[in-house]
Amino acid sequence: MSEPNTIEPPPPSETPQGVEGHTPNRSAKLSRQIGITLPILLAIGLGGALVVRSGRTDTGTHPAPTASPNAPVAVSDAGRSAVQIKTVPARLSALLGQVETTGLVSYPADQTAKISPRLQGRIREVFVNVGDRVSVGQTLAVLDSVDAAAAQTTAIQAQNKLQLARRTLDRQHQLYQLGTPEVTAARAALDQAKANSQFKKDALDKIQEQAKIGGFSQLPLASARTATIQAQAMLDSANQDLDLAQRARDRSSKLNVIGINAKQDLEAAENTLAKARVMVQADQNQLALALETLSREQKAYKSNLYADQSVRSAQNDYQQALLQQQAAVRGLNLARAAISTNYQQAQSDFVAAQTDAQNSRNALVILGQPTASGLLRITAPVAGEIVERDVNPGQTVDQSQMTPWQMFTISNTKQVWVEGDIYEQDLASVAVGQPVEIHVDALPNHSWRGIVEHIASALDPKTHAIKVRAVLANPDGRLKDGMFAEMTVLTGHTQGALEVPLVAIQHDADSDYVYVASGNDYVRRNVILGKQKGDACLIQSGLHPGERVVTQGALFLGSQSSSG
């Protein structure tokens, strides 16, 4: 409720946020304020007689000192009624928290593609201009490139090498499965060595069995006995021949003495006798040898010598056979190792050829599948609008410079980013997902709403600010890349702020002030203004809640305050 002699102003109206429209101009408000208060000046002369200045403590004739502009002005009840001074209390108003900053409009980086020449060549045709909308895969230009033709040749050569490597691998695989002549010969040698080892093993087993029953000890002894008997028989026969030869010689000698037999016959008989003696001596020697052999064999029989020798001989033969078998195994392994090495090499060559062929195909895909003659289509990797074009037919392009040359830039203009700097003191109140209101100087009568999509993870070391990105819908494309914008982040935190009617605000040079009622006195109070809310204004400092401020009659109070 308003107090007596006061008129409360109507509630301040607020311009809805997030819609396009004008914000009331403060100068217009002040003009209306002046229009309201001018008629009051007509009553100044009448009311002046009713005003009693503060500081007059006596009714003497001495003149009062000049009052300070901030000195209280006392007005009687009759004076208030004549001048029609009205007041309202300064009240707390709920204020939605917000952070203001400036930002820069840009097309989304994750929906922007800068198309550079992939190879050196000459532009043959260009099919799009700035402002054209393109779809994914749409042809933008045609490039005639020698490097593209070389890439096609490389791909064909890589494919031929792959086919040759596949045939070599198939052949080596068959050889690995079937074997080479060397492997066949080594396998046959191994089979023969195995058969020989088995034969020697069987012979060893038989000899060991015979050794157990003494077969190897009796045979040499029996042979020695037989040889002794034979030597004795031959000696007996030689002795008989010697006896006959001796008698024949004696008879021939007697016949020769009596002249019946010739000397020649005597000589022949003597020769026969000599031969018979030699034969007897030889048979005696043979008999002595046979007797020695018999004695030795008898000793061997007693010591089982022949059985041990036969077993050892058979064992040696079997060991030799095993060694030959092992050598055959090594030979087969070496032959197989040669095939395996060739097979593994063929596999490695095939894998390398596969990699080269795949890399060549990938290169062609990256290049855009150029023709064999080197014609290459430059296509759009993303859908959007052509925002930059820096290429023309007949132009030679190259990507060998330090800074990449962009032929086209495609962006999604249906959406824009606005990035602004938020300082440390406001950072705690800003969060992803909060609504954002955007104004741009180029379109002063419009506003856009978006949300905070991203907050940078680090402060800029130079500005000590952090980048905050808002995403805005831009269906009509009025927001352009590079525009400056005013960004207001609506933090959602409700704050209490002092609010007074706009007509209560007075201005003097560079200061703002209001008149505060205190009983019958009115005191000029300097204030710091905040934002304007319709017909009201927020007060940052200088007032307290509930203090009454003058909304009508302030000019009269000002004239009384400035007069001596």
Protein backbone atom coordinates (compact mmCIF):
# COMPACT_ATOMS: atom_id res chain seq x y z
CA MET A 1 0.00 0.00 0.00
CA SER A 2 1.14 3.54 -0.66
CA GLU A 3 1.45 5.98 2.19
CA PRO A 4 -0.50 9.24 2.32
CA ASN A 5 0.54 11.87 -0.20
CA THR A 6 2.38 9.20 -2.29
CA ILE A 7 1.55 7.53 -5.55
CA GLU A 8 3.03 4.13 -6.23
CA PRO A 9 4.16 3.66 -9.84
CA PRO A 10 2.73 0.75 -11.78
CA PRO A 11 4.77 -2.48 -11.77
CA PRO A 12 7.67 -2.29 -14.21
CA SER A 13 7.17 -4.21 -17.39
CA GLU A 14 9.88 -6.43 -18.76
CA THR A 15 10.64 -7.17 -22.35
CA PRO A 16 10.49 -10.98 -22.80
CA GLN A 17 13.85 -12.53 -23.35
CA GLY A 18 14.55 -14.87 -26.22
CA VAL A 19 12.20 -13.13 -28.76
CA GLU A 20 12.95 -10.56 -31.38
CA GLY A 21 12.02 -6.96 -30.42
CA HIS A 22 13.19 -3.55 -29.26
CA THR A 23 14.53 -2.65 -25.79
CA PRO A 24 13.09 0.71 -24.52
CA ASN A 25 15.47 3.63 -24.83
CA ARG A 26 16.54 5.36 -21.62
CA SER A 27 16.46 8.81 -23.27
CA ALA A 28 12.79 8.32 -24.15
CA LYS A 29 12.05 7.46 -20.53
CA LEU A 30 13.86 10.53 -19.31
CA SER A 31 11.93 12.71 -21.77
CA ARG A 32 8.68 11.41 -20.40
CA GLN A 33 9.95 12.07 -16.89
CA ILE A 34 10.70 15.69 -17.78
CA GLY A 35 7.31 16.07 -19.41
CA ILE A 36 5.64 14.96 -16.24
CA THR A 37 7.63 17.20 -13.92
CA LEU A 38 7.61 20.44 -15.97
CA PRO A 39 4.16 21.50 -14.80
CA ILE A 40 5.40 21.29 -11.27
CA LEU A 41 7.78 24.18 -11.94
CA LEU A 42 4.76 26.45 -12.17
CA ALA A 43 4.12 25.77 -8.53
CA ILE A 44 7.68 26.50 -7.40
CA GLY A 45 7.02 30.14 -6.77
CA LEU A 46 3.94 29.36 -4.71
CA GLY A 47 5.55 26.50 -2.83
CA GLY A 48 8.81 28.30 -2.15
CA ALA A 49 7.22 30.33 0.57
CA LEU A 50 6.22 27.20 2.34
CA VAL A 51 9.71 25.59 2.27
CA VAL A 52 11.96 25.82 5.30
CA ARG A 53 15.57 24.94 4.54
CA SER A 54 17.50 22.64 6.71
CA GLY A 55 20.13 24.34 8.84
CA ARG A 56 18.12 27.48 9.70
CA THR A 57 18.16 27.28 13.45
CA ASP A 58 17.16 30.90 14.12
CA THR A 59 14.96 33.68 12.67
CA GLY A 60 17.58 36.41 12.83
CA THR A 61 18.57 38.69 10.03
CA HIS A 62 21.93 37.01 9.41
CA PRO A 63 22.02 35.30 5.97
CA ALA A 64 22.35 31.48 6.00
CA PRO A 65 25.42 29.93 4.48
CA THR A 66 25.15 28.37 0.99
CA ALA A 67 23.73 24.84 1.31
CA SER A 68 25.52 21.77 -0.03
CA PRO A 69 23.74 19.92 -2.92
CA ASN A 70 23.49 16.90 -0.62
CA ALA A 71 22.09 18.90 2.31
CA PRO A 72 18.58 17.85 3.44
CA VAL A 73 15.67 19.87 2.11
CA ALA A 74 12.77 20.29 4.57
CA VAL A 75 9.27 20.63 3.08
CA SER A 76 6.10 21.20 5.08
CA ASP A 77 2.91 19.26 4.58
CA ALA A 78 1.37 22.20 2.80
CA GLY A 79 4.40 22.46 0.52
CA ARG A 80 4.23 18.74 -0.36
CA SER A 81 0.59 19.14 -1.22
CA ALA A 82 1.23 22.21 -3.33
CA VAL A 83 4.17 20.76 -5.25
CA GLN A 84 2.59 17.28 -5.32
CA ILE A 85 5.73 15.45 -4.18
CA LYS A 86 5.25 11.71 -4.52
CA THR A 87 7.50 8.87 -3.26
CA VAL A 88 7.71 5.09 -3.56
CA PRO A 89 9.82 2.62 -1.57
CA ALA A 90 12.92 1.02 -3.14
CA ARG A 91 12.05 -2.65 -3.35
CA LEU A 92 13.95 -5.86 -3.92
CA SER A 93 13.32 -7.42 -7.30
CA ALA A 94 14.04 -10.98 -8.36
CA LEU A 95 16.69 -10.91 -11.07
CA LEU A 96 17.66 -13.89 -13.18
CA GLY A 97 21.44 -14.35 -13.05
CA GLN A 98 23.32 -13.72 -16.27
CA VAL A 99 26.85 -13.21 -17.54
CA GLU A 100 27.50 -10.87 -20.44
CA THR A 101 30.43 -10.95 -22.84
CA THR A 102 31.27 -10.40 -26.47
CA GLY A 103 31.69 -13.22 -28.92
CA LEU A 104 32.49 -14.11 -32.49
CA VAL A 105 30.17 -15.95 -34.86
CA SER A 106 31.68 -18.82 -36.81
CA TYR A 107 30.47 -21.80 -38.77
CA PRO A 108 30.86 -25.10 -36.87
CA ALA A 109 34.42 -26.41 -37.24
CA ASP A 110 33.20 -30.00 -37.03
CA GLN A 111 30.83 -29.34 -39.92
CA THR A 112 33.26 -27.41 -42.10
CA ALA A 113 35.51 -28.95 -44.74
CA LYS A 114 38.40 -27.18 -46.41
CA ILE A 115 39.13 -28.92 -49.70
CA SER A 116 42.75 -28.82 -50.87
CA PRO A 117 44.24 -30.19 -54.10
CA ARG A 118 45.27 -33.77 -53.49
CA LEU A 119 47.76 -33.76 -56.37
CA GLN A 120 49.45 -31.33 -58.68
CA GLY A 121 47.51 -30.71 -61.86
CA ARG A 122 45.40 -28.37 -63.94
CA ILE A 123 41.75 -27.58 -63.24
CA ARG A 124 39.67 -28.60 -66.26
CA GLU A 125 36.15 -27.71 -65.02
CA VAL A 126 34.48 -26.09 -61.99
CA PHE A 127 30.79 -26.77 -61.33
CA VAL A 128 29.92 -24.74 -58.19
CA ASN A 129 30.03 -21.15 -56.98
CA VAL A 130 29.96 -19.45 -53.58
CA GLY A 131 26.52 -19.80 -52.05
CA ASP A 132 25.66 -23.08 -53.77
CA ARG A 133 24.44 -25.90 -51.56
CA VAL A 134 26.08 -29.26 -52.23
CA SER A 135 25.51 -32.83 -51.08
CA VAL A 136 28.01 -35.49 -50.05
CA GLY A 137 29.85 -36.87 -53.06
CA GLN A 138 28.78 -34.11 -55.43
CA THR A 139 31.41 -33.22 -58.03
CA LEU A 140 32.84 -29.76 -57.47
CA ALA A 141 35.58 -29.70 -60.11
CA VAL A 142 37.65 -31.94 -62.41
CA LEU A 143 41.44 -32.03 -62.13
CA ASP A 144 43.76 -33.27 -64.90
CA SER A 145 46.82 -34.70 -63.11
CA VAL A 146 49.87 -36.63 -64.30
CA ASP A 147 50.35 -37.84 -60.72
CA ALA A 148 46.86 -39.35 -60.78
CA ALA A 149 47.71 -41.28 -63.93
CA ALA A 150 50.92 -42.47 -62.26
CA ALA A 151 48.89 -43.65 -59.27
CA GLN A 152 46.70 -45.72 -61.60
CA THR A 153 49.80 -47.23 -63.23
CA THR A 154 51.24 -48.05 -59.81
CA ALA A 155 48.00 -49.75 -58.81
CA ILE A 156 48.01 -51.89 -61.98
CA GLN A 157 51.63 -52.91 -61.42
CA ALA A 158 50.91 -53.79 -57.81
CA GLN A 159 47.97 -55.96 -58.92
CA ASN A 160 50.17 -57.79 -61.46
CA LYS A 161 52.81 -58.42 -58.80
CA LEU A 162 50.09 -59.79 -56.55
CA GLN A 163 48.93 -62.24 -59.19
CA LEU A 164 52.51 -63.41 -59.82
CA ALA A 165 53.10 -63.83 -56.08
CA ARG A 166 49.88 -65.86 -55.80
CA ARG A 167 50.97 -68.24 -58.59
CA THR A 168 54.41 -68.65 -57.01
CA LEU A 169 52.81 -69.37 -53.65
CA ASP A 170 50.51 -72.01 -55.18
CA ARG A 171 53.47 -73.73 -56.86
CA GLN A 172 55.56 -73.74 -53.69
CA HIS A 173 52.57 -75.05 -51.75
CA GLN A 174 52.22 -77.98 -54.14
CA LEU A 175 55.93 -78.71 -53.92
CA TYR A 176 55.68 -78.56 -50.15
CA GLN A 177 52.83 -81.07 -50.22
CA LEU A 178 54.21 -83.43 -52.90
CA GLY A 179 57.96 -82.98 -52.44
CA THR A 180 60.86 -82.36 -54.86
CA PRO A 181 63.14 -85.03 -56.47
CA GLU A 182 65.66 -84.29 -53.74
CA VAL A 183 63.04 -85.02 -51.09
CA THR A 184 61.99 -88.20 -52.90
CA ALA A 185 65.59 -89.46 -53.08
CA ALA A 186 66.18 -88.53 -49.43
CA ARG A 187 62.98 -90.34 -48.41
CA ALA A 188 64.07 -93.49 -50.39
CA ALA A 189 67.51 -93.38 -48.75
CA LEU A 190 65.84 -93.12 -45.37
CA ASP A 191 63.59 -96.10 -46.11
CA GLN A 192 66.62 -98.14 -47.19
CA ALA A 193 68.53 -97.10 -44.06
CA LYS A 194 65.58 -98.10 -41.91
CA ALA A 195 65.39 -101.51 -43.61
CA ASN A 196 69.15 -102.06 -43.15
CA SER A 197 68.88 -101.04 -39.49
CA GLN A 198 66.08 -103.54 -39.01
CA PHE A 199 68.10 -106.31 -40.75
CA LYS A 200 71.12 -105.61 -38.55
CA LYS A 201 68.88 -105.60 -35.51
CA ASP A 202 67.46 -109.00 -36.42
CA ALA A 203 71.00 -110.39 -37.01
CA LEU A 204 72.11 -109.07 -33.65
CA ASP A 205 69.16 -110.73 -31.97
CA LYS A 206 70.01 -114.08 -33.62
CA ILE A 207 73.71 -113.87 -32.73
CA GLN A 208 72.87 -113.03 -29.15
CA GLU A 209 70.55 -116.05 -29.04
CA GLN A 210 73.26 -118.33 -30.51
CA ALA A 211 75.78 -116.95 -28.02
CA LYS A 212 73.50 -118.02 -25.23
CA ILE A 213 73.51 -121.67 -26.44
CA GLY A 214 77.29 -121.72 -27.21
CA GLY A 215 77.02 -122.11 -31.00
CA PHE A 216 79.93 -119.79 -31.70
CA SER A 217 82.41 -121.61 -29.29
CA GLN A 218 82.03 -125.27 -30.52
CA LEU A 219 82.33 -124.62 -34.24
CA PRO A 220 85.88 -123.17 -34.21
CA LEU A 221 87.05 -125.93 -31.81
CA ALA A 222 85.59 -128.65 -34.04
CA SER A 223 87.21 -127.05 -37.07
CA ALA A 224 90.57 -127.01 -35.29
CA ARG A 225 90.23 -130.68 -34.37
CA THR A 226 89.30 -131.58 -37.94
CA ALA A 227 92.29 -129.62 -39.23
CA THR A 228 94.60 -131.51 -36.80
CA ILE A 229 93.29 -134.90 -37.91
CA GLN A 230 93.69 -133.92 -41.53
CA ALA A 231 97.24 -132.70 -40.91
CA GLN A 232 98.08 -135.95 -39.11
CA ALA A 233 96.65 -138.00 -41.99
CA MET A 234 98.64 -136.03 -44.53
CA LEU A 235 101.79 -136.50 -42.45
CA ASP A 236 101.20 -140.25 -42.26
CA SER A 237 100.70 -140.40 -46.01
CA ALA A 238 103.88 -138.33 -46.54
CA ASN A 239 105.83 -140.71 -44.30
CA GLN A 240 104.59 -143.68 -46.37
CA ASP A 241 105.60 -141.90 -49.55
CA LEU A 242 109.01 -141.19 -48.00
CA ASP A 243 109.42 -144.83 -47.04
CA LEU A 244 108.55 -145.95 -50.56
CA ALA A 245 110.91 -143.40 -52.07
CA GLN A 246 113.71 -144.52 -49.74
CA ARG A 247 113.30 -148.19 -50.78
CA ALA A 248 113.10 -147.24 -54.44
CA ARG A 249 116.32 -145.27 -54.19
CA ASP A 250 118.10 -148.08 -52.35
CA ARG A 251 117.08 -150.63 -55.06
CA SER A 252 118.08 -148.27 -57.84
CA SER A 253 121.49 -147.75 -56.19
CA LYS A 254 122.11 -151.48 -55.93
CA LEU A 255 121.06 -152.02 -59.53
CA ASN A 256 123.35 -149.28 -60.63
CA VAL A 257 126.28 -150.83 -58.81
CA ILE A 258 125.78 -154.14 -60.57
CA GLY A 259 125.27 -152.31 -63.83
CA ILE A 260 121.71 -153.28 -64.38
CA ASN A 261 120.21 -149.85 -63.85
CA ALA A 262 121.40 -146.64 -65.38
CA LYS A 263 122.71 -143.74 -63.41
CA GLN A 264 119.85 -141.67 -64.72
CA ASP A 265 117.35 -143.87 -62.95
CA LEU A 266 119.32 -143.54 -59.73
CA GLU A 267 119.17 -139.76 -59.95
CA ALA A 268 115.43 -139.88 -60.50
CA ALA A 269 114.94 -142.07 -57.47
CA GLU A 270 117.02 -139.68 -55.38
CA ASN A 271 114.93 -136.72 -56.55
CA THR A 272 111.73 -138.52 -55.60
CA LEU A 273 113.21 -139.31 -52.20
CA ALA A 274 114.12 -135.68 -51.65
CA LYS A 275 110.61 -134.56 -52.54
CA ALA A 276 109.14 -137.11 -50.17
CA ARG A 277 111.32 -135.79 -47.38
CA VAL A 278 110.17 -132.23 -48.14
CA MET A 279 106.52 -133.29 -48.07
CA VAL A 280 107.03 -135.02 -44.76
CA GLN A 281 108.60 -131.88 -43.34
CA ALA A 282 105.73 -129.73 -44.64
CA ASP A 283 103.10 -132.06 -43.25
CA GLN A 284 104.92 -132.08 -39.92
CA ASN A 285 104.80 -128.28 -39.90
CA GLN A 286 101.12 -128.30 -40.84
CA LEU A 287 100.39 -130.75 -38.07
CA ALA A 288 102.28 -128.60 -35.57
CA LEU A 289 100.24 -125.56 -36.70
CA ALA A 290 97.00 -127.50 -36.43
CA LEU A 291 97.94 -128.63 -32.95
CA GLU A 292 98.64 -125.03 -31.92
CA THR A 293 95.30 -123.95 -33.41
CA LEU A 294 93.54 -126.72 -31.59
CA SER A 295 95.17 -125.67 -28.33
CA ARG A 296 94.13 -122.04 -28.94
CA GLU A 297 90.57 -122.97 -29.81
CA GLN A 298 90.34 -125.09 -26.72
CA LYS A 299 91.37 -122.09 -24.64
CA ALA A 300 88.89 -119.84 -26.54
CA TYR A 301 86.15 -122.34 -25.94
CA LYS A 302 86.82 -122.25 -22.26
CA SER A 303 86.76 -118.35 -22.19
CA ASN A 304 83.68 -117.95 -24.56
CA LEU A 305 85.74 -115.61 -26.75
CA TYR A 306 84.03 -116.25 -30.06
CA ALA A 307 80.56 -115.62 -28.73
CA ASP A 308 81.58 -112.18 -27.38
CA GLN A 309 83.31 -111.28 -30.64
CA SER A 310 80.29 -112.24 -32.70
CA VAL A 311 77.95 -110.24 -30.50
CA ARG A 312 80.22 -107.19 -30.59
CA SER A 313 80.54 -107.44 -34.34
CA ALA A 314 76.78 -107.65 -34.75
CA GLN A 315 76.33 -104.71 -32.38
CA ASN A 316 78.82 -102.62 -34.36
CA ASP A 317 76.99 -103.46 -37.57
CA TYR A 318 73.68 -102.40 -35.97
CA GLN A 319 75.15 -99.11 -34.68
CA GLN A 320 76.53 -98.33 -38.12
CA ALA A 321 73.10 -98.98 -39.59
CA LEU A 322 71.53 -96.61 -37.04
CA LEU A 323 74.06 -93.91 -37.89
CA GLN A 324 73.26 -94.32 -41.58
CA GLN A 325 69.55 -94.03 -40.74
CA GLN A 326 70.15 -90.81 -38.78
CA ALA A 327 72.16 -89.41 -41.67
CA ALA A 328 69.26 -90.25 -43.99
CA VAL A 329 66.85 -88.45 -41.63
CA ARG A 330 69.07 -85.36 -41.68
CA GLY A 331 69.23 -85.48 -45.45
CA LEU A 332 65.43 -85.66 -45.68
CA ASN A 333 65.05 -82.80 -43.20
CA LEU A 334 67.48 -80.67 -45.19
CA ALA A 335 65.59 -81.37 -48.40
CA ARG A 336 62.32 -80.55 -46.72
CA ALA A 337 63.84 -77.42 -45.12
CA ALA A 338 64.79 -76.15 -48.55
CA ILE A 339 61.18 -76.56 -49.70
CA SER A 340 59.87 -74.98 -46.47
CA THR A 341 62.19 -72.00 -46.88
CA ASN A 342 61.00 -71.44 -50.42
CA TYR A 343 57.38 -71.86 -49.29
CA GLN A 344 57.78 -69.37 -46.45
CA GLN A 345 59.50 -66.90 -48.76
CA ALA A 346 56.63 -67.26 -51.21
CA GLN A 347 54.17 -66.62 -48.40
CA SER A 348 56.09 -63.51 -47.31
CA ASP A 349 56.26 -62.22 -50.90
CA PHE A 350 52.53 -62.81 -51.30
CA VAL A 351 51.69 -60.88 -48.10
CA ALA A 352 53.94 -58.00 -49.20
CA ALA A 353 52.29 -57.97 -52.62
CA GLN A 354 48.86 -57.96 -50.98
CA THR A 355 49.86 -54.97 -48.83
CA ASP A 356 51.23 -53.05 -51.82
CA ALA A 357 48.12 -53.76 -53.87
CA GLN A 358 45.81 -52.73 -51.02
CA ASN A 359 47.80 -49.54 -50.42
CA SER A 360 47.55 -48.71 -54.10
CA ARG A 361 43.80 -49.27 -54.06
CA ASN A 362 43.48 -47.15 -50.91
CA ALA A 363 45.47 -44.39 -52.57
CA LEU A 364 43.08 -44.43 -55.52
CA VAL A 365 40.10 -44.25 -53.15
CA ILE A 366 41.65 -41.29 -51.31
CA LEU A 367 42.37 -39.57 -54.61
CA GLY A 368 38.81 -40.14 -55.77
CA GLN A 369 39.31 -43.01 -58.23
CA PRO A 370 41.02 -41.12 -61.06
CA THR A 371 40.74 -42.42 -64.61
CA ALA A 372 43.64 -44.12 -66.38
CA SER A 373 44.32 -40.85 -68.21
CA GLY A 374 44.61 -38.93 -64.92
CA LEU A 375 41.23 -37.16 -64.70
CA LEU A 376 40.28 -36.73 -61.06
CA ARG A 377 36.90 -35.64 -59.69
CA ILE A 378 37.03 -33.23 -56.74
CA THR A 379 33.97 -34.16 -54.65
CA ALA A 380 32.26 -32.73 -51.57
CA PRO A 381 33.14 -34.72 -48.43
CA VAL A 382 30.27 -33.14 -46.45
CA ALA A 383 26.94 -31.55 -47.23
CA GLY A 384 26.59 -27.81 -46.83
CA GLU A 385 27.12 -24.48 -48.56
CA ILE A 386 30.09 -23.31 -50.60
CA VAL A 387 31.38 -20.39 -48.52
CA GLU A 388 34.75 -20.01 -50.25
CA ARG A 389 36.01 -20.78 -53.75
CA ASP A 390 39.58 -20.11 -54.80
CA VAL A 391 39.98 -22.02 -58.05
CA ASN A 392 39.07 -21.50 -61.71
CA PRO A 393 39.24 -23.57 -64.94
CA GLY A 394 42.71 -23.69 -66.45
CA GLN A 395 44.37 -22.93 -63.15
CA THR A 396 47.33 -25.08 -62.05
CA VAL A 397 47.05 -26.26 -58.47
CA ASP A 398 49.70 -27.72 -56.18
CA GLN A 399 49.83 -28.74 -52.53
CA SER A 400 53.59 -28.46 -52.07
CA GLN A 401 53.50 -25.10 -50.27
CA MET A 402 54.06 -24.80 -46.55
CA THR A 403 50.55 -23.38 -46.07
CA PRO A 404 47.86 -25.58 -47.65
CA TRP A 405 45.94 -23.93 -50.45
CA GLN A 406 42.16 -24.31 -50.10
CA MET A 407 40.21 -24.71 -53.35
CA PHE A 408 36.78 -24.79 -51.67
CA THR A 409 35.37 -24.40 -48.17
CA ILE A 410 32.06 -26.10 -47.37
CA SER A 411 30.20 -25.31 -44.16
CA ASN A 412 26.87 -26.16 -42.59
CA THR A 413 25.40 -22.65 -42.41
CA LYS A 414 22.17 -23.93 -40.82
CA GLN A 415 23.98 -23.82 -37.49
CA VAL A 416 26.61 -21.46 -36.09
CA TRP A 417 28.94 -21.27 -33.14
CA VAL A 418 29.36 -18.19 -30.98
CA GLU A 419 32.49 -18.20 -28.83
CA GLY A 420 32.95 -15.65 -26.08
CA ASP A 421 35.42 -14.99 -23.25
CA ILE A 422 34.23 -15.65 -19.70
CA TYR A 423 36.47 -14.32 -16.94
CA GLU A 424 37.43 -16.12 -13.77
CA GLN A 425 35.01 -14.33 -11.47
CA ASP A 426 32.04 -15.45 -13.60
CA LEU A 427 33.28 -18.90 -14.51
CA ALA A 428 31.72 -20.67 -11.52
CA SER A 429 28.20 -19.63 -12.57
CA VAL A 430 28.49 -20.79 -16.20
CA ALA A 431 27.77 -24.41 -17.10
CA VAL A 432 27.16 -26.51 -20.19
CA GLY A 433 23.48 -26.57 -21.19
CA GLN A 434 22.61 -23.06 -19.96
CA PRO A 435 20.57 -20.88 -22.36
CA VAL A 436 22.34 -18.11 -24.21
CA GLU A 437 20.90 -14.97 -25.81
CA ILE A 438 22.78 -13.46 -28.75
CA HIS A 439 22.57 -10.00 -30.34
CA VAL A 440 24.61 -8.82 -33.33
CA ASP A 441 25.23 -5.25 -34.41
CA ALA A 442 24.43 -6.09 -38.03
CA LEU A 443 20.88 -7.11 -37.04
CA PRO A 444 19.97 -4.86 -34.09
CA ASN A 445 16.28 -5.74 -34.06
CA HIS A 446 16.76 -9.48 -33.69
CA SER A 447 17.95 -11.84 -31.03
CA TRP A 448 18.81 -15.55 -31.05
CA ARG A 449 18.61 -18.22 -28.42
CA GLY A 450 21.00 -21.15 -28.05
CA ILE A 451 22.71 -23.21 -25.38
CA VAL A 452 26.22 -23.47 -23.96
CA GLU A 453 27.69 -26.51 -25.66
CA HIS A 454 31.33 -26.41 -24.64
CA ILE A 455 33.56 -24.73 -22.05
CA ALA A 456 37.28 -24.77 -22.71
CA SER A 457 39.44 -26.71 -20.28
CA ALA A 458 42.13 -24.04 -19.84
CA LEU A 459 42.33 -20.28 -19.44
CA ASP A 460 43.96 -18.10 -22.04
CA PRO A 461 47.28 -17.12 -20.37
CA LYS A 462 47.12 -13.64 -21.92
CA THR A 463 43.54 -12.65 -21.14
CA HIS A 464 42.91 -14.98 -18.17
CA ALA A 465 39.57 -15.75 -19.79
CA ILE A 466 38.10 -19.03 -20.89
CA LYS A 467 36.33 -19.72 -24.18
CA VAL A 468 32.64 -20.59 -23.94
CA ARG A 469 30.91 -21.89 -27.05
CA ALA A 470 27.19 -21.57 -27.76
CA VAL A 471 25.38 -23.33 -30.60
CA LEU A 472 22.64 -21.46 -32.45
CA ALA A 473 20.21 -22.54 -35.11
CA ASN A 474 20.62 -20.43 -38.26
CA PRO A 475 17.97 -21.72 -40.66
CA ASP A 476 17.72 -18.50 -42.67
CA GLY A 477 21.51 -18.01 -42.77
CA ARG A 478 21.41 -14.42 -41.47
CA LEU A 479 24.23 -15.07 -39.01
CA LYS A 480 27.49 -14.97 -40.95
CA ASP A 481 30.93 -16.24 -40.17
CA GLY A 482 33.07 -13.55 -38.53
CA MET A 483 30.24 -11.41 -37.10
CA PHE A 484 30.76 -9.85 -33.67
CA ALA A 485 28.03 -10.64 -31.17
CA GLU A 486 26.90 -9.74 -27.67
CA MET A 487 26.53 -12.95 -25.69
CA THR A 488 24.41 -13.18 -22.55
CA VAL A 489 24.59 -16.47 -20.65
CA LEU A 490 21.47 -16.97 -18.52
CA THR A 491 22.91 -18.75 -15.52
CA GLY A 492 19.53 -19.41 -13.89
CA HIS A 493 20.60 -18.12 -10.48
CA THR A 494 17.99 -15.75 -8.93
CA GLN A 495 19.49 -12.66 -7.38
CA GLY A 496 17.99 -9.90 -5.23
CA ALA A 497 18.41 -6.42 -6.71
CA LEU A 498 17.08 -3.02 -5.60
CA GLU A 499 14.67 -1.54 -8.07
CA VAL A 500 13.24 2.01 -8.33
CA PRO A 501 11.10 3.67 -11.02
CA LEU A 502 13.06 5.18 -13.85
CA VAL A 503 11.49 8.62 -13.20
CA ALA A 504 13.18 8.73 -9.77
CA ILE A 505 16.65 8.82 -11.37
CA GLN A 506 18.20 12.26 -11.69
CA HIS A 507 21.41 13.14 -13.51
CA ASP A 508 24.02 15.76 -12.72
CA ALA A 509 27.14 15.89 -14.87
CA ASP A 510 28.67 12.40 -14.47
CA SER A 511 26.70 11.36 -11.40
CA ASP A 512 23.30 9.74 -10.92
CA TYR A 513 21.21 10.41 -7.81
CA VAL A 514 17.78 10.15 -6.25
CA TYR A 515 15.99 12.06 -3.47
CA VAL A 516 15.31 9.96 -0.41
CA ALA A 517 12.47 10.96 1.93
CA SER A 518 13.22 11.02 5.67
CA GLY A 519 10.26 12.45 7.59
CA ASN A 520 9.80 16.02 6.33
CA ASP A 521 13.34 16.07 4.87
CA TYR A 522 14.48 15.02 1.44
CA VAL A 523 18.14 14.06 0.97
CA ARG A 524 19.97 13.82 -2.33
CA ARG A 525 21.66 10.39 -2.53
CA ASN A 526 24.22 9.42 -5.22
CA VAL A 527 23.59 5.94 -6.61
CA ILE A 528 25.25 3.52 -9.00
CA LEU A 529 22.82 2.33 -11.61
CA GLY A 530 22.44 -1.19 -12.89
CA LYS A 531 20.44 -2.48 -15.82
CA GLN A 532 17.17 -1.03 -16.94
CA LYS A 533 14.06 -3.21 -16.63
CA GLY A 534 11.23 -1.60 -18.55
CA ASP A 535 10.09 1.50 -16.61
CA ALA A 536 12.35 0.64 -13.70
CA CYS A 537 16.07 0.70 -13.08
CA LEU A 538 18.23 -1.50 -10.88
CA ILE A 539 20.38 0.14 -8.22
CA GLN A 540 23.73 -1.46 -7.54
CA SER A 541 24.64 0.72 -4.52
CA GLY A 542 23.51 3.89 -2.70
CA LEU A 543 20.11 2.72 -1.45
CA HIS A 544 18.67 0.26 1.04
CA PRO A 545 15.48 -1.74 0.67
CA GLY A 546 12.39 0.19 1.89
CA GLU A 547 13.89 3.66 1.59
CA ARG A 548 11.44 5.95 -0.17
CA VAL A 549 12.57 7.78 -3.29
CA VAL A 550 10.93 10.81 -4.90
CA THR A 551 9.19 10.04 -8.18
CA GLN A 552 7.49 13.45 -8.63
CA GLY A 553 8.78 16.81 -7.46
CA ALA A 554 12.48 16.03 -7.72
CA LEU A 555 13.10 19.08 -9.94
CA PHE A 556 11.56 21.32 -7.32
CA LEU A 557 13.74 19.79 -4.62
CA GLY A 558 16.75 20.22 -6.84
CA SER A 559 16.03 23.91 -7.38
CA GLN A 560 15.60 24.43 -3.65
CA SER A 561 18.83 22.51 -2.92
CA SER A 562 20.88 24.58 -5.35
CA SER A 563 19.54 28.01 -4.18
CA GLY A 564 21.36 29.80 -1.39
